[in-house]
Amino acid sequence: MKNDIKINVFDVADYILEETEFKMTHMKLHKLIYYSHAKHLTTYKKPLIGEIIQAWKWGPVYPPLYHIFKDYSYENIRRKTQKGNVEKIQGSYKKAIDYIMEKYGPLNGQELSDRTHFEAPWQDAFAKGRETPIEDITISKFYLRKNKL
C-alpha cells in the first residue's frame, strides 16, 4: 500500500495517544514510535518518519518529541502534542503502528527500554556517545536479520 503523504513524529505520537487503551509514559511513547519506524522500514522498505532518532541513556529518543513531554517524566501523558495530524496516519503507516501497538502496547516504558538495550542499533550508537543518531540502515539490517518485530 503506497503512501504519498509524509508523516512526522508528532503525527505518530498523537495517533498513538488517541488510539491507545494502555497507559502511556514519555519513555514508552518513544519506544513504540521507534519500533513502528523499524517495522515500516523492514516491511515497506521506507522510513515511517524523517526525524532523527538518537541513542539516549534510556533508549531511542526523538528530541523534538522529548521537549514537548519532558515535564511528564514518568507520569502518564494525558494530552496530545497539538502538533500532529492523526488523519495522515493511513495505509502502511497505520498498519505498521497498529502492529507494534498490538505487540508491544501492553509493555511498560521500562520493559521497552530494557529491550532496546539488548539490541544492536541502540548499543552501537550509544557506544559512540550520548545522543548519537541511530541510522535507518542499521535499524533495517538488524531487524531484517533478527526477524525480531
N, C-alpha and C. Protein backbone atom coordinates (compact mmCIF):
# COMPACT_ATOMS: atom_id res chain seq x y z
N MET A 1 0.85 -1.18 0.00
CA MET A 1 0.00 0.00 0.00
C MET A 1 0.89 1.24 0.00
N LYS A 2 0.67 2.12 -0.93
CA LYS A 2 1.52 3.29 -1.10
C LYS A 2 0.97 4.48 -0.31
N ASN A 3 1.88 5.21 0.31
CA ASN A 3 1.52 6.46 0.99
C ASN A 3 2.21 7.61 0.28
N ASP A 4 1.45 8.59 -0.17
CA ASP A 4 2.03 9.77 -0.79
C ASP A 4 2.25 10.88 0.22
N ILE A 5 1.56 10.81 1.34
CA ILE A 5 1.65 11.83 2.37
C ILE A 5 2.82 11.50 3.30
N LYS A 6 3.62 12.49 3.61
CA LYS A 6 4.71 12.32 4.58
C LYS A 6 4.15 12.57 5.97
N ILE A 7 4.60 11.76 6.91
CA ILE A 7 4.17 11.96 8.30
C ILE A 7 5.40 12.27 9.15
N ASN A 8 5.14 12.79 10.35
CA ASN A 8 6.24 13.12 11.25
C ASN A 8 6.01 12.52 12.63
N VAL A 9 6.95 12.72 13.50
CA VAL A 9 6.90 12.13 14.84
C VAL A 9 5.68 12.60 15.62
N PHE A 10 5.23 13.82 15.39
CA PHE A 10 4.06 14.35 16.10
C PHE A 10 2.77 13.68 15.62
N ASP A 11 2.69 13.41 14.31
CA ASP A 11 1.53 12.69 13.78
C ASP A 11 1.43 11.31 14.42
N VAL A 12 2.55 10.62 14.49
CA VAL A 12 2.56 9.26 15.06
C VAL A 12 2.26 9.31 16.55
N ALA A 13 2.88 10.23 17.26
CA ALA A 13 2.64 10.35 18.70
C ALA A 13 1.17 10.62 18.99
N ASP A 14 0.58 11.56 18.28
CA ASP A 14 -0.82 11.89 18.51
C ASP A 14 -1.74 10.72 18.16
N TYR A 15 -1.40 10.00 17.10
CA TYR A 15 -2.18 8.81 16.73
C TYR A 15 -2.13 7.78 17.85
N ILE A 16 -0.94 7.49 18.35
CA ILE A 16 -0.81 6.51 19.43
C ILE A 16 -1.56 6.97 20.67
N LEU A 17 -1.39 8.23 21.03
CA LEU A 17 -2.06 8.75 22.23
C LEU A 17 -3.58 8.74 22.08
N GLU A 18 -4.06 8.95 20.88
CA GLU A 18 -5.50 8.96 20.64
C GLU A 18 -6.08 7.54 20.61
N GLU A 19 -5.34 6.61 20.06
CA GLU A 19 -5.86 5.27 19.83
C GLU A 19 -5.59 4.27 20.96
N THR A 20 -4.62 4.55 21.81
CA THR A 20 -4.21 3.54 22.78
C THR A 20 -5.21 3.33 23.90
N GLU A 21 -5.26 2.12 24.37
CA GLU A 21 -6.03 1.79 25.56
C GLU A 21 -5.10 1.60 26.75
N PHE A 22 -3.81 1.69 26.50
CA PHE A 22 -2.80 1.46 27.53
C PHE A 22 -2.30 2.78 28.13
N LYS A 23 -1.79 2.70 29.34
CA LYS A 23 -1.14 3.86 29.94
C LYS A 23 0.09 4.19 29.11
N MET A 24 0.35 5.48 28.96
CA MET A 24 1.43 5.90 28.07
C MET A 24 2.34 6.90 28.76
N THR A 25 3.55 6.46 29.04
CA THR A 25 4.56 7.36 29.59
C THR A 25 5.40 7.90 28.44
N HIS A 26 6.16 8.90 28.77
CA HIS A 26 7.08 9.51 27.81
C HIS A 26 8.02 8.46 27.24
N MET A 27 8.62 7.66 28.13
CA MET A 27 9.57 6.63 27.71
C MET A 27 8.90 5.62 26.78
N LYS A 28 7.73 5.19 27.15
CA LYS A 28 7.02 4.18 26.35
C LYS A 28 6.67 4.72 24.96
N LEU A 29 6.22 5.95 24.89
CA LEU A 29 5.84 6.54 23.62
C LEU A 29 7.00 6.56 22.63
N HIS A 30 8.17 6.96 23.08
CA HIS A 30 9.35 6.99 22.20
C HIS A 30 9.69 5.60 21.68
N LYS A 31 9.63 4.60 22.55
CA LYS A 31 9.99 3.25 22.14
C LYS A 31 8.98 2.69 21.15
N LEU A 32 7.69 2.97 21.36
CA LEU A 32 6.68 2.48 20.42
C LEU A 32 6.83 3.14 19.05
N ILE A 33 7.18 4.40 19.04
CA ILE A 33 7.42 5.08 17.75
C ILE A 33 8.67 4.49 17.09
N TYR A 34 9.71 4.26 17.86
CA TYR A 34 10.93 3.65 17.33
C TYR A 34 10.63 2.29 16.69
N TYR A 35 9.91 1.43 17.40
CA TYR A 35 9.59 0.11 16.86
C TYR A 35 8.64 0.21 15.66
N SER A 36 7.74 1.17 15.66
CA SER A 36 6.86 1.38 14.50
C SER A 36 7.69 1.79 13.28
N HIS A 37 8.67 2.64 13.52
CA HIS A 37 9.59 3.07 12.45
C HIS A 37 10.36 1.86 11.91
N ALA A 38 10.87 1.04 12.82
CA ALA A 38 11.61 -0.16 12.41
C ALA A 38 10.72 -1.12 11.62
N LYS A 39 9.49 -1.28 12.08
CA LYS A 39 8.55 -2.17 11.37
C LYS A 39 8.28 -1.64 9.97
N HIS A 40 8.09 -0.34 9.82
CA HIS A 40 7.83 0.22 8.50
C HIS A 40 9.05 0.08 7.60
N LEU A 41 10.23 0.30 8.15
CA LEU A 41 11.47 0.14 7.38
C LEU A 41 11.62 -1.29 6.86
N THR A 42 11.37 -2.26 7.71
CA THR A 42 11.61 -3.65 7.33
C THR A 42 10.49 -4.22 6.45
N THR A 43 9.27 -3.78 6.66
CA THR A 43 8.15 -4.32 5.89
C THR A 43 7.95 -3.60 4.56
N TYR A 44 8.08 -2.29 4.58
CA TYR A 44 7.76 -1.49 3.38
C TYR A 44 9.00 -0.85 2.74
N LYS A 45 10.16 -1.07 3.35
CA LYS A 45 11.44 -0.59 2.80
C LYS A 45 11.53 0.93 2.71
N LYS A 46 10.75 1.61 3.53
CA LYS A 46 10.77 3.07 3.58
C LYS A 46 10.62 3.51 5.03
N PRO A 47 11.22 4.65 5.37
CA PRO A 47 11.07 5.15 6.74
C PRO A 47 9.61 5.52 7.04
N LEU A 48 9.23 5.35 8.28
CA LEU A 48 7.91 5.81 8.74
C LEU A 48 7.91 7.33 8.83
N ILE A 49 8.96 7.86 9.44
CA ILE A 49 9.10 9.30 9.65
C ILE A 49 10.52 9.73 9.32
N GLY A 50 10.72 11.02 9.15
CA GLY A 50 12.03 11.52 8.76
C GLY A 50 12.90 12.02 9.90
N GLU A 51 12.30 12.22 11.08
CA GLU A 51 13.07 12.76 12.20
C GLU A 51 14.18 11.80 12.62
N ILE A 52 15.27 12.39 13.05
CA ILE A 52 16.42 11.61 13.53
C ILE A 52 16.11 11.09 14.93
N ILE A 53 16.41 9.82 15.11
CA ILE A 53 16.26 9.23 16.45
C ILE A 53 17.66 9.12 17.04
N GLN A 54 17.76 9.43 18.32
CA GLN A 54 19.06 9.42 18.98
C GLN A 54 19.11 8.36 20.07
N ALA A 55 20.32 7.87 20.33
CA ALA A 55 20.55 6.90 21.40
C ALA A 55 20.81 7.66 22.70
N TRP A 56 19.83 7.65 23.59
CA TRP A 56 19.96 8.27 24.90
C TRP A 56 20.10 7.17 25.94
N LYS A 57 20.37 7.57 27.16
CA LYS A 57 20.61 6.61 28.24
C LYS A 57 19.50 5.56 28.35
N TRP A 58 18.26 5.96 28.24
CA TRP A 58 17.13 5.04 28.43
C TRP A 58 16.61 4.47 27.12
N GLY A 59 17.38 4.59 26.05
CA GLY A 59 16.98 4.00 24.78
C GLY A 59 16.78 5.06 23.70
N PRO A 60 16.17 4.66 22.59
CA PRO A 60 15.93 5.58 21.47
C PRO A 60 14.98 6.71 21.85
N VAL A 61 15.33 7.93 21.44
CA VAL A 61 14.53 9.12 21.76
C VAL A 61 14.48 10.04 20.54
N TYR A 62 13.31 10.64 20.33
CA TYR A 62 13.12 11.67 19.30
C TYR A 62 13.18 13.02 20.00
N PRO A 63 14.28 13.78 19.88
CA PRO A 63 14.42 15.03 20.63
C PRO A 63 13.26 16.02 20.51
N PRO A 64 12.69 16.28 19.31
CA PRO A 64 11.58 17.24 19.26
C PRO A 64 10.38 16.80 20.11
N LEU A 65 10.12 15.51 20.15
CA LEU A 65 9.02 14.98 20.95
C LEU A 65 9.37 15.01 22.44
N TYR A 66 10.62 14.73 22.74
CA TYR A 66 11.06 14.76 24.14
C TYR A 66 10.77 16.12 24.76
N HIS A 67 11.07 17.18 24.05
CA HIS A 67 10.91 18.53 24.60
C HIS A 67 9.44 18.89 24.85
N ILE A 68 8.54 18.30 24.12
CA ILE A 68 7.11 18.57 24.34
C ILE A 68 6.62 17.91 25.63
N PHE A 69 7.09 16.70 25.90
CA PHE A 69 6.55 15.94 27.03
C PHE A 69 7.52 15.78 28.20
N LYS A 70 8.64 16.49 28.20
CA LYS A 70 9.65 16.28 29.24
C LYS A 70 9.13 16.52 30.65
N ASP A 71 8.15 17.38 30.81
CA ASP A 71 7.61 17.66 32.15
C ASP A 71 6.81 16.49 32.72
N TYR A 72 6.43 15.55 31.88
CA TYR A 72 5.68 14.39 32.37
C TYR A 72 6.57 13.39 33.10
N SER A 73 7.85 13.41 32.82
CA SER A 73 8.79 12.50 33.46
C SER A 73 8.26 11.07 33.37
N TYR A 74 7.93 10.44 34.50
CA TYR A 74 7.45 9.06 34.50
C TYR A 74 5.93 8.96 34.63
N GLU A 75 5.25 10.09 34.59
CA GLU A 75 3.80 10.09 34.70
C GLU A 75 3.16 9.76 33.35
N ASN A 76 1.92 9.34 33.40
CA ASN A 76 1.19 9.07 32.16
C ASN A 76 0.87 10.37 31.44
N ILE A 77 1.04 10.34 30.13
CA ILE A 77 0.73 11.50 29.29
C ILE A 77 -0.79 11.59 29.16
N ARG A 78 -1.31 12.78 29.37
CA ARG A 78 -2.76 12.96 29.35
C ARG A 78 -3.23 13.92 28.25
N ARG A 79 -2.36 14.22 27.30
CA ARG A 79 -2.75 15.11 26.21
C ARG A 79 -1.95 14.76 24.96
N LYS A 80 -2.40 15.25 23.82
CA LYS A 80 -1.65 15.04 22.58
C LYS A 80 -0.65 16.19 22.41
N THR A 81 0.20 16.08 21.40
CA THR A 81 1.24 17.09 21.16
C THR A 81 0.66 18.41 20.67
N GLN A 82 -0.50 18.36 20.07
CA GLN A 82 -1.13 19.52 19.42
C GLN A 82 -0.37 19.95 18.16
N LYS A 83 0.61 19.15 17.74
CA LYS A 83 1.37 19.46 16.52
C LYS A 83 1.16 18.40 15.44
N GLY A 84 0.47 17.33 15.79
CA GLY A 84 0.30 16.23 14.85
C GLY A 84 -1.05 16.25 14.16
N ASN A 85 -1.14 15.46 13.10
CA ASN A 85 -2.39 15.31 12.36
C ASN A 85 -2.65 13.81 12.20
N VAL A 86 -3.53 13.27 13.02
CA VAL A 86 -3.79 11.83 13.00
C VAL A 86 -4.47 11.39 11.71
N GLU A 87 -5.09 12.31 10.99
CA GLU A 87 -5.75 11.96 9.73
C GLU A 87 -4.74 11.47 8.69
N LYS A 88 -3.47 11.84 8.85
CA LYS A 88 -2.43 11.42 7.91
C LYS A 88 -1.98 9.98 8.14
N ILE A 89 -2.38 9.40 9.26
CA ILE A 89 -1.97 8.02 9.57
C ILE A 89 -2.94 7.06 8.89
N GLN A 90 -2.49 6.52 7.77
CA GLN A 90 -3.31 5.58 7.00
C GLN A 90 -2.40 4.66 6.21
N GLY A 91 -2.96 3.70 5.53
CA GLY A 91 -2.19 2.79 4.70
C GLY A 91 -1.11 2.05 5.47
N SER A 92 0.07 2.01 4.88
CA SER A 92 1.18 1.26 5.50
C SER A 92 1.60 1.88 6.83
N TYR A 93 1.44 3.18 6.98
CA TYR A 93 1.77 3.82 8.26
C TYR A 93 0.91 3.24 9.38
N LYS A 94 -0.38 3.21 9.13
CA LYS A 94 -1.33 2.70 10.13
C LYS A 94 -1.06 1.23 10.43
N LYS A 95 -0.81 0.45 9.39
CA LYS A 95 -0.55 -0.98 9.58
C LYS A 95 0.67 -1.21 10.46
N ALA A 96 1.75 -0.49 10.20
CA ALA A 96 2.97 -0.67 10.99
C ALA A 96 2.76 -0.26 12.44
N ILE A 97 2.14 0.88 12.65
CA ILE A 97 1.91 1.37 14.02
C ILE A 97 0.96 0.45 14.77
N ASP A 98 -0.14 0.06 14.13
CA ASP A 98 -1.11 -0.81 14.79
C ASP A 98 -0.49 -2.16 15.15
N TYR A 99 0.35 -2.68 14.27
CA TYR A 99 1.04 -3.94 14.55
C TYR A 99 1.88 -3.83 15.82
N ILE A 100 2.67 -2.77 15.90
CA ILE A 100 3.54 -2.56 17.06
C ILE A 100 2.71 -2.31 18.31
N MET A 101 1.65 -1.56 18.20
CA MET A 101 0.80 -1.29 19.36
C MET A 101 0.19 -2.58 19.90
N GLU A 102 -0.22 -3.46 19.02
CA GLU A 102 -0.80 -4.73 19.46
C GLU A 102 0.26 -5.60 20.13
N LYS A 103 1.45 -5.62 19.55
CA LYS A 103 2.51 -6.49 20.07
C LYS A 103 3.17 -5.94 21.33
N TYR A 104 3.46 -4.63 21.34
CA TYR A 104 4.24 -4.05 22.44
C TYR A 104 3.47 -3.08 23.33
N GLY A 105 2.26 -2.73 22.94
CA GLY A 105 1.46 -1.80 23.74
C GLY A 105 1.27 -2.22 25.19
N PRO A 106 1.10 -3.52 25.47
CA PRO A 106 0.92 -3.94 26.87
C PRO A 106 2.17 -3.77 27.75
N LEU A 107 3.34 -3.64 27.14
CA LEU A 107 4.57 -3.49 27.92
C LEU A 107 4.68 -2.07 28.46
N ASN A 108 5.41 -1.91 29.56
CA ASN A 108 5.61 -0.56 30.08
C ASN A 108 6.90 0.04 29.50
N GLY A 109 7.13 1.30 29.78
CA GLY A 109 8.28 2.00 29.24
C GLY A 109 9.61 1.38 29.62
N GLN A 110 9.73 0.95 30.86
CA GLN A 110 10.99 0.35 31.31
C GLN A 110 11.25 -0.97 30.59
N GLU A 111 10.20 -1.77 30.40
CA GLU A 111 10.37 -3.04 29.68
C GLU A 111 10.81 -2.79 28.24
N LEU A 112 10.23 -1.80 27.61
CA LEU A 112 10.62 -1.47 26.24
C LEU A 112 12.03 -0.90 26.18
N SER A 113 12.38 -0.07 27.15
CA SER A 113 13.74 0.47 27.22
C SER A 113 14.75 -0.65 27.39
N ASP A 114 14.46 -1.57 28.30
CA ASP A 114 15.36 -2.72 28.52
C ASP A 114 15.53 -3.51 27.23
N ARG A 115 14.45 -3.70 26.51
CA ARG A 115 14.50 -4.46 25.26
C ARG A 115 15.44 -3.78 24.26
N THR A 116 15.33 -2.45 24.12
CA THR A 116 16.20 -1.75 23.17
C THR A 116 17.67 -1.84 23.58
N HIS A 117 17.92 -1.94 24.87
CA HIS A 117 19.30 -2.01 25.36
C HIS A 117 19.98 -3.33 25.00
N PHE A 118 19.20 -4.34 24.64
CA PHE A 118 19.77 -5.62 24.23
C PHE A 118 19.87 -5.73 22.72
N GLU A 119 19.59 -4.65 22.02
CA GLU A 119 19.59 -4.68 20.56
C GLU A 119 20.69 -3.79 19.99
N ALA A 120 21.31 -4.28 18.92
CA ALA A 120 22.48 -3.63 18.34
C ALA A 120 22.27 -2.18 17.88
N PRO A 121 21.15 -1.80 17.29
CA PRO A 121 21.05 -0.41 16.84
C PRO A 121 21.29 0.61 17.96
N TRP A 122 20.66 0.41 19.10
CA TRP A 122 20.89 1.33 20.23
C TRP A 122 22.29 1.14 20.80
N GLN A 123 22.71 -0.11 21.00
CA GLN A 123 24.03 -0.38 21.60
C GLN A 123 25.15 0.26 20.79
N ASP A 124 25.13 0.06 19.48
CA ASP A 124 26.20 0.58 18.62
C ASP A 124 26.23 2.10 18.62
N ALA A 125 25.06 2.72 18.53
CA ALA A 125 25.01 4.19 18.53
C ALA A 125 25.43 4.75 19.88
N PHE A 126 24.93 4.18 20.97
CA PHE A 126 25.23 4.70 22.30
C PHE A 126 26.71 4.53 22.64
N ALA A 127 27.34 3.49 22.11
CA ALA A 127 28.77 3.26 22.34
C ALA A 127 29.61 4.39 21.73
N LYS A 128 29.08 5.07 20.72
CA LYS A 128 29.78 6.19 20.09
C LYS A 128 29.58 7.49 20.86
N GLY A 129 28.65 7.49 21.80
CA GLY A 129 28.40 8.68 22.60
C GLY A 129 26.92 8.97 22.72
N ARG A 130 26.57 9.64 23.80
CA ARG A 130 25.16 10.01 24.01
C ARG A 130 24.65 10.87 22.87
N GLU A 131 23.41 10.67 22.56
CA GLU A 131 22.70 11.44 21.53
C GLU A 131 23.20 11.18 20.11
N THR A 132 23.92 10.08 19.92
CA THR A 132 24.34 9.69 18.59
C THR A 132 23.11 9.22 17.81
N PRO A 133 22.95 9.65 16.57
CA PRO A 133 21.82 9.19 15.77
C PRO A 133 21.87 7.67 15.54
N ILE A 134 20.70 7.06 15.55
CA ILE A 134 20.57 5.65 15.19
C ILE A 134 20.12 5.65 13.73
N GLU A 135 20.98 5.16 12.87
CA GLU A 135 20.75 5.25 11.43
C GLU A 135 19.70 4.24 10.95
N ASP A 136 18.91 4.65 9.97
CA ASP A 136 17.89 3.77 9.41
C ASP A 136 18.48 2.48 8.85
N ILE A 137 19.63 2.57 8.21
CA ILE A 137 20.25 1.38 7.63
C ILE A 137 20.61 0.37 8.72
N THR A 138 21.06 0.86 9.87
CA THR A 138 21.40 -0.01 10.99
C THR A 138 20.14 -0.67 11.55
N ILE A 139 19.09 0.12 11.69
CA ILE A 139 17.81 -0.41 12.19
C ILE A 139 17.29 -1.48 11.24
N SER A 140 17.26 -1.16 9.96
CA SER A 140 16.72 -2.07 8.96
C SER A 140 17.50 -3.38 8.91
N LYS A 141 18.81 -3.30 8.83
CA LYS A 141 19.63 -4.52 8.77
C LYS A 141 19.44 -5.40 9.99
N PHE A 142 19.43 -4.79 11.17
CA PHE A 142 19.29 -5.57 12.41
C PHE A 142 17.96 -6.30 12.46
N TYR A 143 16.86 -5.60 12.25
CA TYR A 143 15.55 -6.23 12.41
C TYR A 143 15.22 -7.19 11.26
N LEU A 144 15.76 -6.94 10.08
CA LEU A 144 15.59 -7.91 9.00
C LEU A 144 16.36 -9.19 9.30
N ARG A 145 17.59 -9.04 9.79
CA ARG A 145 18.44 -10.19 10.09
C ARG A 145 17.88 -11.00 11.26
N LYS A 146 17.46 -10.31 12.28
CA LYS A 146 16.99 -10.98 13.50
C LYS A 146 15.51 -11.36 13.43
N ASN A 147 14.79 -10.78 12.49
CA ASN A 147 13.35 -11.02 12.37
C ASN A 147 12.67 -10.87 13.73
N LYS A 148 12.96 -9.74 14.39
CA LYS A 148 12.52 -9.53 15.76
C LYS A 148 11.24 -8.71 15.91
N LEU A 149 10.68 -8.22 14.87
CA LEU A 149 9.50 -7.36 15.05
C LEU A 149 8.21 -8.11 14.85
